[in-house]
Amino acid sequence: GIISSGPITIDSKPGYQVILSTLPSMQNPIPFGLMNTWTVAGNNL
């Protein structure tokens, strides 16, 4: 489930960040919080 998301600056470069929470399931009984942040530079992510 997406909690929040929005643009962010990473090393003076435009990037993006999303905060997630895991939804209950048999495979993942422990709830987790996750935050993924990314940027690109040329051909690298």
All heavy atoms as atom14 arrays in JSON, in Angstrom:
{
  "sequence": "GIISSGPITIDSKPGYQVILSTLPSMQNPIPFGLMNTWTVAGNNL",
  "atom14_mask": [
    [1, 1, 1, 1, 0, 0, 0, 0, 0, 0, 0, 0, 0, 0],
    [1, 1, 1, 1, 1, 1, 1, 1, 0, 0, 0, 0, 0, 0],
    [1, 1, 1, 1, 1, 1, 1, 1, 0, 0, 0, 0, 0, 0],
    [1, 1, 1, 1, 1, 1, 0, 0, 0, 0, 0, 0, 0, 0],
    [1, 1, 1, 1, 1, 1, 0, 0, 0, 0, 0, 0, 0, 0],
    [1, 1, 1, 1, 0, 0, 0, 0, 0, 0, 0, 0, 0, 0],
    [1, 1, 1, 1, 1, 1, 1, 0, 0, 0, 0, 0, 0, 0],
    [1, 1, 1, 1, 1, 1, 1, 1, 0, 0, 0, 0, 0, 0],
    [1, 1, 1, 1, 1, 1, 1, 0, 0, 0, 0, 0, 0, 0],
    [1, 1, 1, 1, 1, 1, 1, 1, 0, 0, 0, 0, 0, 0],
    [1, 1, 1, 1, 1, 1, 1, 1, 0, 0, 0, 0, 0, 0],
    [1, 1, 1, 1, 1, 1, 0, 0, 0, 0, 0, 0, 0, 0],
    [1, 1, 1, 1, 1, 1, 1, 1, 1, 0, 0, 0, 0, 0],
    [1, 1, 1, 1, 1, 1, 1, 0, 0, 0, 0, 0, 0, 0],
    [1, 1, 1, 1, 0, 0, 0, 0, 0, 0, 0, 0, 0, 0],
    [1, 1, 1, 1, 1, 1, 1, 1, 1, 1, 1, 1, 0, 0],
    [1, 1, 1, 1, 1, 1, 1, 1, 1, 0, 0, 0, 0, 0],
    [1, 1, 1, 1, 1, 1, 1, 0, 0, 0, 0, 0, 0, 0],
    [1, 1, 1, 1, 1, 1, 1, 1, 0, 0, 0, 0, 0, 0],
    [1, 1, 1, 1, 1, 1, 1, 1, 0, 0, 0, 0, 0, 0],
    [1, 1, 1, 1, 1, 1, 0, 0, 0, 0, 0, 0, 0, 0],
    [1, 1, 1, 1, 1, 1, 1, 0, 0, 0, 0, 0, 0, 0],
    [1, 1, 1, 1, 1, 1, 1, 1, 0, 0, 0, 0, 0, 0],
    [1, 1, 1, 1, 1, 1, 1, 0, 0, 0, 0, 0, 0, 0],
    [1, 1, 1, 1, 1, 1, 0, 0, 0, 0, 0, 0, 0, 0],
    [1, 1, 1, 1, 1, 1, 1, 1, 0, 0, 0, 0, 0, 0],
    [1, 1, 1, 1, 1, 1, 1, 1, 1, 0, 0, 0, 0, 0],
    [1, 1, 1, 1, 1, 1, 1, 1, 0, 0, 0, 0, 0, 0],
    [1, 1, 1, 1, 1, 1, 1, 0, 0, 0, 0, 0, 0, 0],
    [1, 1, 1, 1, 1, 1, 1, 1, 0, 0, 0, 0, 0, 0],
    [1, 1, 1, 1, 1, 1, 1, 0, 0, 0, 0, 0, 0, 0],
    [1, 1, 1, 1, 1, 1, 1, 1, 1, 1, 1, 0, 0, 0],
    [1, 1, 1, 1, 0, 0, 0, 0, 0, 0, 0, 0, 0, 0],
    [1, 1, 1, 1, 1, 1, 1, 1, 0, 0, 0, 0, 0, 0],
    [1, 1, 1, 1, 1, 1, 1, 1, 0, 0, 0, 0, 0, 0],
    [1, 1, 1, 1, 1, 1, 1, 1, 0, 0, 0, 0, 0, 0],
    [1, 1, 1, 1, 1, 1, 1, 0, 0, 0, 0, 0, 0, 0],
    [1, 1, 1, 1, 1, 1, 1, 1, 1, 1, 1, 1, 1, 1],
    [1, 1, 1, 1, 1, 1, 1, 0, 0, 0, 0, 0, 0, 0],
    [1, 1, 1, 1, 1, 1, 1, 0, 0, 0, 0, 0, 0, 0],
    [1, 1, 1, 1, 1, 0, 0, 0, 0, 0, 0, 0, 0, 0],
    [1, 1, 1, 1, 0, 0, 0, 0, 0, 0, 0, 0, 0, 0],
    [1, 1, 1, 1, 1, 1, 1, 1, 0, 0, 0, 0, 0, 0],
    [1, 1, 1, 1, 1, 1, 1, 1, 0, 0, 0, 0, 0, 0],
    [1, 1, 1, 1, 1, 1, 1, 1, 0, 0, 0, 0, 0, 0]
  ],
  "atom14_positions": [
    [[0.85, -1.17, 0.0], [0.0, 0.0, 0.0], [0.89, 1.23, 0.0], [1.85, 1.3, 0.77], [0.0, 0.0, 0.0], [0.0, 0.0, 0.0], [0.0, 0.0, 0.0], [0.0, 0.0, 0.0], [0.0, 0.0, 0.0], [0.0, 0.0, 0.0], [0.0, 0.0, 0.0], [0.0, 0.0, 0.0], [0.0, 0.0, 0.0], [0.0, 0.0, 0.0]],
    [[0.65, 2.18, -0.9], [1.47, 3.39, -0.96], [1.01, 4.37, 0.12], [-0.15, 4.76, 0.16], [1.39, 4.04, -2.35], [1.98, 3.11, -3.42], [2.13, 5.38, -2.36], [1.95, 3.69, -4.83], [0.0, 0.0, 0.0], [0.0, 0.0, 0.0], [0.0, 0.0, 0.0], [0.0, 0.0, 0.0], [0.0, 0.0, 0.0], [0.0, 0.0, 0.0]],
    [[1.93, 4.75, 1.0], [1.65, 5.7, 2.07], [1.82, 7.13, 1.56], [0.97, 8.0, 1.78], [2.56, 5.47, 3.28], [2.43, 4.02, 3.78], [2.24, 6.46, 4.39], [1.04, 3.64, 4.19], [0.0, 0.0, 0.0], [0.0, 0.0, 0.0], [0.0, 0.0, 0.0], [0.0, 0.0, 0.0], [0.0, 0.0, 0.0], [0.0, 0.0, 0.0]],
    [[2.91, 7.38, 0.87], [3.18, 8.71, 0.31], [4.19, 8.57, -0.82], [4.94, 7.6, -0.88], [3.69, 9.68, 1.37], [4.97, 9.26, 1.86], [0.0, 0.0, 0.0], [0.0, 0.0, 0.0], [0.0, 0.0, 0.0], [0.0, 0.0, 0.0], [0.0, 0.0, 0.0], [0.0, 0.0, 0.0], [0.0, 0.0, 0.0], [0.0, 0.0, 0.0]],
    [[4.22, 9.55, -1.71], [5.2, 9.56, -2.78], [5.35, 10.99, -3.29], [4.44, 11.8, -3.18], [4.77, 8.64, -3.93], [3.57, 9.1, -4.53], [0.0, 0.0, 0.0], [0.0, 0.0, 0.0], [0.0, 0.0, 0.0], [0.0, 0.0, 0.0], [0.0, 0.0, 0.0], [0.0, 0.0, 0.0], [0.0, 0.0, 0.0], [0.0, 0.0, 0.0]],
    [[6.53, 11.29, -3.81], [6.77, 12.62, -4.32], [8.2, 12.82, -4.77], [9.07, 11.99, -4.51], [0.0, 0.0, 0.0], [0.0, 0.0, 0.0], [0.0, 0.0, 0.0], [0.0, 0.0, 0.0], [0.0, 0.0, 0.0], [0.0, 0.0, 0.0], [0.0, 0.0, 0.0], [0.0, 0.0, 0.0], [0.0, 0.0, 0.0], [0.0, 0.0, 0.0]],
    [[8.48, 13.92, -5.46], [9.84, 14.19, -5.96], [10.8, 14.51, -4.82], [10.39, 14.96, -3.75], [9.64, 15.4, -6.88], [8.38, 16.05, -6.38], [7.52, 14.95, -5.87], [0.0, 0.0, 0.0], [0.0, 0.0, 0.0], [0.0, 0.0, 0.0], [0.0, 0.0, 0.0], [0.0, 0.0, 0.0], [0.0, 0.0, 0.0], [0.0, 0.0, 0.0]],
    [[12.06, 14.24, -5.05], [13.12, 14.5, -4.08], [14.39, 14.82, -4.84], [14.53, 14.44, -6.01], [13.32, 13.26, -3.17], [14.27, 13.58, -2.01], [13.81, 12.07, -3.97], [14.39, 12.45, -1.0], [0.0, 0.0, 0.0], [0.0, 0.0, 0.0], [0.0, 0.0, 0.0], [0.0, 0.0, 0.0], [0.0, 0.0, 0.0], [0.0, 0.0, 0.0]],
    [[15.3, 15.55, -4.22], [16.6, 15.84, -4.83], [17.65, 14.92, -4.24], [17.76, 14.8, -3.01], [17.0, 17.3, -4.61], [16.01, 18.16, -5.19], [18.35, 17.6, -5.25], [0.0, 0.0, 0.0], [0.0, 0.0, 0.0], [0.0, 0.0, 0.0], [0.0, 0.0, 0.0], [0.0, 0.0, 0.0], [0.0, 0.0, 0.0], [0.0, 0.0, 0.0]],
    [[18.41, 14.25, -5.09], [19.46, 13.34, -4.66], [20.77, 13.77, -5.3], [20.9, 13.74, -6.53], [19.14, 11.89, -5.06], [17.74, 11.49, -4.56], [20.2, 10.93, -4.52], [17.28, 10.15, -5.1], [0.0, 0.0, 0.0], [0.0, 0.0, 0.0], [0.0, 0.0, 0.0], [0.0, 0.0, 0.0], [0.0, 0.0, 0.0], [0.0, 0.0, 0.0]],
    [[21.71, 14.2, -4.51], [23.0, 14.68, -5.02], [22.8, 15.72, -6.12], [23.4, 15.64, -7.19], [23.83, 13.5, -5.54], [25.26, 13.9, -5.87], [25.73, 14.91, -5.33], [25.9, 13.18, -6.67], [0.0, 0.0, 0.0], [0.0, 0.0, 0.0], [0.0, 0.0, 0.0], [0.0, 0.0, 0.0], [0.0, 0.0, 0.0], [0.0, 0.0, 0.0]],
    [[21.92, 16.69, -5.84], [21.61, 17.8, -6.76], [20.93, 17.34, -8.04], [20.84, 18.1, -9.0], [22.89, 18.59, -7.12], [23.49, 19.11, -5.95], [0.0, 0.0, 0.0], [0.0, 0.0, 0.0], [0.0, 0.0, 0.0], [0.0, 0.0, 0.0], [0.0, 0.0, 0.0], [0.0, 0.0, 0.0], [0.0, 0.0, 0.0], [0.0, 0.0, 0.0]],
    [[20.44, 16.12, -8.06], [19.76, 15.58, -9.23], [18.29, 15.31, -8.88], [17.97, 14.93, -7.75], [20.42, 14.29, -9.7], [21.86, 14.45, -10.14], [22.48, 13.11, -10.47], [23.91, 13.28, -10.96], [24.77, 13.92, -9.94], [0.0, 0.0, 0.0], [0.0, 0.0, 0.0], [0.0, 0.0, 0.0], [0.0, 0.0, 0.0], [0.0, 0.0, 0.0]],
    [[17.39, 15.5, -9.82], [15.98, 15.17, -9.55], [15.81, 13.68, -9.33], [16.44, 12.85, -10.0], [15.26, 15.65, -10.81], [16.3, 15.64, -11.88], [17.59, 15.99, -11.2], [0.0, 0.0, 0.0], [0.0, 0.0, 0.0], [0.0, 0.0, 0.0], [0.0, 0.0, 0.0], [0.0, 0.0, 0.0], [0.0, 0.0, 0.0], [0.0, 0.0, 0.0]],
    [[14.97, 13.35, -8.38], [14.71, 11.95, -8.08], [13.28, 11.78, -7.62], [12.46, 12.71, -7.7], [0.0, 0.0, 0.0], [0.0, 0.0, 0.0], [0.0, 0.0, 0.0], [0.0, 0.0, 0.0], [0.0, 0.0, 0.0], [0.0, 0.0, 0.0], [0.0, 0.0, 0.0], [0.0, 0.0, 0.0], [0.0, 0.0, 0.0], [0.0, 0.0, 0.0]],
    [[12.98, 10.61, -7.1], [11.62, 10.34, -6.62], [11.7, 9.39, -5.44], [12.63, 8.59, -5.33], [10.77, 9.72, -7.73], [9.29, 9.92, -7.52], [8.66, 11.09, -7.97], [8.5, 8.98, -6.87], [7.3, 11.3, -7.77], [7.15, 9.18, -6.68], [6.55, 10.34, -7.12], [5.21, 10.55, -6.92], [0.0, 0.0, 0.0], [0.0, 0.0, 0.0]],
    [[10.71, 9.53, -4.55], [10.69, 8.69, -3.34], [9.27, 8.23, -3.07], [8.32, 9.0, -3.18], [11.21, 9.49, -2.15], [11.37, 8.7, -0.87], [12.0, 9.57, 0.24], [11.31, 10.3, 0.93], [13.33, 9.49, 0.36], [0.0, 0.0, 0.0], [0.0, 0.0, 0.0], [0.0, 0.0, 0.0], [0.0, 0.0, 0.0], [0.0, 0.0, 0.0]],
    [[9.13, 6.96, -2.7], [7.82, 6.4, -2.36], [7.94, 5.6, -1.07], [8.9, 4.85, -0.88], [7.28, 5.52, -3.51], [8.23, 4.39, -3.85], [5.9, 4.97, -3.17], [0.0, 0.0, 0.0], [0.0, 0.0, 0.0], [0.0, 0.0, 0.0], [0.0, 0.0, 0.0], [0.0, 0.0, 0.0], [0.0, 0.0, 0.0], [0.0, 0.0, 0.0]],
    [[7.0, 5.81, -0.16], [6.94, 5.07, 1.1], [5.79, 4.08, 1.02], [4.66, 4.45, 0.66], [6.76, 6.01, 2.3], [7.98, 6.95, 2.41], [6.6, 5.22, 3.6], [7.87, 7.96, 3.54], [0.0, 0.0, 0.0], [0.0, 0.0, 0.0], [0.0, 0.0, 0.0], [0.0, 0.0, 0.0], [0.0, 0.0, 0.0], [0.0, 0.0, 0.0]],
    [[6.07, 2.83, 1.35], [5.11, 1.75, 1.21], [4.93, 1.01, 2.53], [5.78, 1.09, 3.42], [5.59, 0.73, 0.16], [6.06, 1.25, -1.19], [6.89, 0.19, -1.89], [4.86, 1.62, -2.05], [0.0, 0.0, 0.0], [0.0, 0.0, 0.0], [0.0, 0.0, 0.0], [0.0, 0.0, 0.0], [0.0, 0.0, 0.0], [0.0, 0.0, 0.0]],
    [[3.85, 0.27, 2.62], [3.67, -0.67, 3.72], [3.21, -1.99, 3.11], [2.48, -2.0, 2.11], [2.62, -0.17, 4.71], [1.35, -0.05, 4.09], [0.0, 0.0, 0.0], [0.0, 0.0, 0.0], [0.0, 0.0, 0.0], [0.0, 0.0, 0.0], [0.0, 0.0, 0.0], [0.0, 0.0, 0.0], [0.0, 0.0, 0.0], [0.0, 0.0, 0.0]],
    [[3.68, -3.08, 3.68], [3.25, -4.38, 3.16], [1.84, -4.68, 3.65], [1.44, -4.31, 4.74], [4.18, -5.5, 3.64], [4.21, -5.52, 5.07], [5.6, -5.29, 3.12], [0.0, 0.0, 0.0], [0.0, 0.0, 0.0], [0.0, 0.0, 0.0], [0.0, 0.0, 0.0], [0.0, 0.0, 0.0], [0.0, 0.0, 0.0], [0.0, 0.0, 0.0]],
    [[1.08, -5.34, 2.79], [-0.26, -5.75, 3.15], [-0.22, -7.16, 3.74], [0.62, -7.97, 3.36], [-1.17, -5.72, 1.91], [-1.29, -4.35, 1.22], [-2.14, -4.46, -0.03], [-1.88, -3.32, 2.18], [0.0, 0.0, 0.0], [0.0, 0.0, 0.0], [0.0, 0.0, 0.0], [0.0, 0.0, 0.0], [0.0, 0.0, 0.0], [0.0, 0.0, 0.0]],
    [[-1.08, -7.45, 4.71], [-1.05, -8.77, 5.37], [-1.19, -9.91, 4.37], [-1.97, -9.84, 3.43], [-2.25, -8.71, 6.31], [-2.52, -7.26, 6.52], [-2.15, -6.59, 5.22], [0.0, 0.0, 0.0], [0.0, 0.0, 0.0], [0.0, 0.0, 0.0], [0.0, 0.0, 0.0], [0.0, 0.0, 0.0], [0.0, 0.0, 0.0], [0.0, 0.0, 0.0]],
    [[-0.36, -10.95, 4.59], [-0.44, -12.13, 3.74], [0.16, -13.32, 4.48], [0.88, -13.15, 5.47], [0.32, -11.92, 2.42], [1.7, -11.86, 2.64], [0.0, 0.0, 0.0], [0.0, 0.0, 0.0], [0.0, 0.0, 0.0], [0.0, 0.0, 0.0], [0.0, 0.0, 0.0], [0.0, 0.0, 0.0], [0.0, 0.0, 0.0], [0.0, 0.0, 0.0]],
    [[-0.11, -14.51, 3.99], [0.44, -15.72, 4.6], [1.95, -15.77, 4.41], [2.67, -16.25, 5.28], [-0.21, -16.96, 3.97], [-1.69, -17.1, 4.26], [-2.02, -17.43, 6.01], [-1.31, -19.07, 6.17], [0.0, 0.0, 0.0], [0.0, 0.0, 0.0], [0.0, 0.0, 0.0], [0.0, 0.0, 0.0], [0.0, 0.0, 0.0], [0.0, 0.0, 0.0]],
    [[2.44, -15.24, 3.28], [3.88, -15.28, 3.0], [4.64, -14.27, 3.85], [5.78, -14.51, 4.22], [4.13, -14.99, 1.51], [3.65, -16.07, 0.55], [2.14, -16.03, 0.35], [1.49, -15.01, 0.62], [1.59, -17.13, -0.13], [0.0, 0.0, 0.0], [0.0, 0.0, 0.0], [0.0, 0.0, 0.0], [0.0, 0.0, 0.0], [0.0, 0.0, 0.0]],
    [[4.04, -13.14, 4.15], [4.71, -12.09, 4.9], [3.86, -11.7, 6.11], [3.16, -10.68, 6.09], [4.95, -10.86, 4.01], [5.81, -11.19, 2.81], [6.81, -11.89, 2.91], [5.42, -10.69, 1.65], [0.0, 0.0, 0.0], [0.0, 0.0, 0.0], [0.0, 0.0, 0.0], [0.0, 0.0, 0.0], [0.0, 0.0, 0.0], [0.0, 0.0, 0.0]],
    [[3.92, -12.5, 7.19], [3.07, -12.22, 8.35], [3.52, -11.0, 9.15], [2.73, -10.44, 9.9], [3.2, -13.5, 9.18], [4.54, -14.06, 8.8], [4.71, -13.73, 7.35], [0.0, 0.0, 0.0], [0.0, 0.0, 0.0], [0.0, 0.0, 0.0], [0.0, 0.0, 0.0], [0.0, 0.0, 0.0], [0.0, 0.0, 0.0], [0.0, 0.0, 0.0]],
    [[4.8, -10.6, 9.01], [5.31, -9.46, 9.75], [5.13, -8.2, 8.9], [5.64, -8.13, 7.78], [6.8, -9.64, 10.1], [6.99, -10.9, 10.95], [7.35, -8.42, 10.82], [8.44, -11.22, 11.26], [0.0, 0.0, 0.0], [0.0, 0.0, 0.0], [0.0, 0.0, 0.0], [0.0, 0.0, 0.0], [0.0, 0.0, 0.0], [0.0, 0.0, 0.0]],
    [[4.42, -7.18, 9.39], [4.23, -5.96, 8.6], [5.54, -5.18, 8.48], [6.25, -5.0, 9.47], [3.18, -5.18, 9.4], [3.33, -5.67, 10.8], [3.72, -7.12, 10.69], [0.0, 0.0, 0.0], [0.0, 0.0, 0.0], [0.0, 0.0, 0.0], [0.0, 0.0, 0.0], [0.0, 0.0, 0.0], [0.0, 0.0, 0.0], [0.0, 0.0, 0.0]],
    [[5.84, -4.71, 7.29], [7.06, -3.96, 7.04], [6.74, -2.6, 6.45], [5.78, -2.43, 5.7], [7.97, -4.72, 6.05], [8.92, -5.68, 6.7], [8.47, -6.92, 7.14], [10.25, -5.36, 6.89], [9.33, -7.81, 7.73], [11.11, -6.24, 7.49], [10.67, -7.47, 7.91], [0.0, 0.0, 0.0], [0.0, 0.0, 0.0], [0.0, 0.0, 0.0]],
    [[7.59, -1.64, 6.79], [7.57, -0.35, 6.14], [8.73, -0.28, 5.17], [9.82, -0.77, 5.48], [0.0, 0.0, 0.0], [0.0, 0.0, 0.0], [0.0, 0.0, 0.0], [0.0, 0.0, 0.0], [0.0, 0.0, 0.0], [0.0, 0.0, 0.0], [0.0, 0.0, 0.0], [0.0, 0.0, 0.0], [0.0, 0.0, 0.0], [0.0, 0.0, 0.0]],
    [[8.52, 0.3, 4.01], [9.56, 0.37, 3.0], [9.61, 1.78, 2.4], [8.56, 2.42, 2.24], [9.31, -0.64, 1.87], [9.13, -2.1, 2.25], [7.64, -2.44, 2.34], [9.79, -3.01, 1.22], [0.0, 0.0, 0.0], [0.0, 0.0, 0.0], [0.0, 0.0, 0.0], [0.0, 0.0, 0.0], [0.0, 0.0, 0.0], [0.0, 0.0, 0.0]],
    [[10.79, 2.24, 2.1], [10.95, 3.53, 1.42], [11.96, 3.34, 0.3], [13.1, 2.94, 0.55], [11.43, 4.61, 2.38], [11.56, 5.99, 1.72], [11.8, 7.33, 2.92], [13.51, 7.03, 3.4], [0.0, 0.0, 0.0], [0.0, 0.0, 0.0], [0.0, 0.0, 0.0], [0.0, 0.0, 0.0], [0.0, 0.0, 0.0], [0.0, 0.0, 0.0]],
    [[11.53, 3.63, -0.91], [12.4, 3.49, -2.07], [12.64, 4.86, -2.7], [11.69, 5.6, -2.97], [11.79, 2.53, -3.08], [11.84, 1.1, -2.61], [12.85, 0.42, -2.76], [10.76, 0.63, -2.01], [0.0, 0.0, 0.0], [0.0, 0.0, 0.0], [0.0, 0.0, 0.0], [0.0, 0.0, 0.0], [0.0, 0.0, 0.0], [0.0, 0.0, 0.0]],
    [[13.9, 5.16, -2.91], [14.31, 6.45, -3.45], [15.19, 6.21, -4.66], [16.1, 5.37, -4.61], [15.11, 7.24, -2.38], [14.35, 7.3, -1.17], [15.42, 8.64, -2.86], [0.0, 0.0, 0.0], [0.0, 0.0, 0.0], [0.0, 0.0, 0.0], [0.0, 0.0, 0.0], [0.0, 0.0, 0.0], [0.0, 0.0, 0.0], [0.0, 0.0, 0.0]],
    [[14.93, 6.91, -5.76], [15.74, 6.66, -6.95], [16.01, 7.95, -7.72], [15.3, 8.94, -7.61], [15.06, 5.63, -7.84], [13.68, 5.96, -8.33], [13.33, 6.78, -9.37], [12.44, 5.48, -7.79], [11.96, 6.83, -9.52], [11.38, 6.04, -8.56], [12.11, 4.62, -6.73], [10.05, 5.77, -8.3], [10.77, 4.36, -6.47], [9.76, 4.93, -7.25]],
    [[17.06, 7.87, -8.51], [17.41, 8.93, -9.45], [18.11, 8.29, -10.64], [18.48, 7.11, -10.59], [18.32, 9.99, -8.8], [18.48, 11.11, -9.7], [19.7, 9.43, -8.48], [0.0, 0.0, 0.0], [0.0, 0.0, 0.0], [0.0, 0.0, 0.0], [0.0, 0.0, 0.0], [0.0, 0.0, 0.0], [0.0, 0.0, 0.0], [0.0, 0.0, 0.0]],
    [[18.25, 9.04, -11.7], [18.95, 8.54, -12.88], [20.04, 9.53, -13.28], [19.94, 10.73, -13.03], [17.98, 8.32, -14.07], [16.92, 7.29, -13.72], [17.35, 9.63, -14.51], [0.0, 0.0, 0.0], [0.0, 0.0, 0.0], [0.0, 0.0, 0.0], [0.0, 0.0, 0.0], [0.0, 0.0, 0.0], [0.0, 0.0, 0.0], [0.0, 0.0, 0.0]],
    [[21.09, 8.99, -13.89], [22.16, 9.81, -14.44], [22.64, 9.1, -15.71], [23.29, 8.05, -15.62], [23.3, 9.98, -13.45], [0.0, 0.0, 0.0], [0.0, 0.0, 0.0], [0.0, 0.0, 0.0], [0.0, 0.0, 0.0], [0.0, 0.0, 0.0], [0.0, 0.0, 0.0], [0.0, 0.0, 0.0], [0.0, 0.0, 0.0], [0.0, 0.0, 0.0]],
    [[22.28, 9.66, -16.85], [22.65, 9.02, -18.11], [21.96, 7.67, -18.25], [20.74, 7.57, -18.2], [0.0, 0.0, 0.0], [0.0, 0.0, 0.0], [0.0, 0.0, 0.0], [0.0, 0.0, 0.0], [0.0, 0.0, 0.0], [0.0, 0.0, 0.0], [0.0, 0.0, 0.0], [0.0, 0.0, 0.0], [0.0, 0.0, 0.0], [0.0, 0.0, 0.0]],
    [[22.75, 6.64, -18.4], [22.2, 5.29, -18.57], [22.19, 4.48, -17.28], [22.04, 3.26, -17.29], [22.98, 4.53, -19.65], [24.43, 4.27, -19.23], [25.01, 5.05, -18.48], [25.0, 3.19, -19.73], [0.0, 0.0, 0.0], [0.0, 0.0, 0.0], [0.0, 0.0, 0.0], [0.0, 0.0, 0.0], [0.0, 0.0, 0.0], [0.0, 0.0, 0.0]],
    [[22.34, 5.16, -16.15], [22.36, 4.48, -14.85], [21.16, 4.87, -14.0], [20.8, 6.05, -13.91], [23.65, 4.8, -14.08], [24.88, 4.24, -14.77], [24.9, 3.09, -15.19], [25.93, 5.05, -14.87], [0.0, 0.0, 0.0], [0.0, 0.0, 0.0], [0.0, 0.0, 0.0], [0.0, 0.0, 0.0], [0.0, 0.0, 0.0], [0.0, 0.0, 0.0]],
    [[20.57, 3.89, -13.37], [19.49, 4.1, -12.4], [20.03, 3.75, -11.03], [20.6, 2.66, -10.83], [18.29, 3.22, -12.74], [17.19, 3.14, -11.68], [16.44, 4.46, -11.57], [16.22, 2.0, -12.01], [0.0, 0.0, 0.0], [0.0, 0.0, 0.0], [0.0, 0.0, 0.0], [0.0, 0.0, 0.0], [0.0, 0.0, 0.0], [0.0, 0.0, 0.0]]
  ]
}
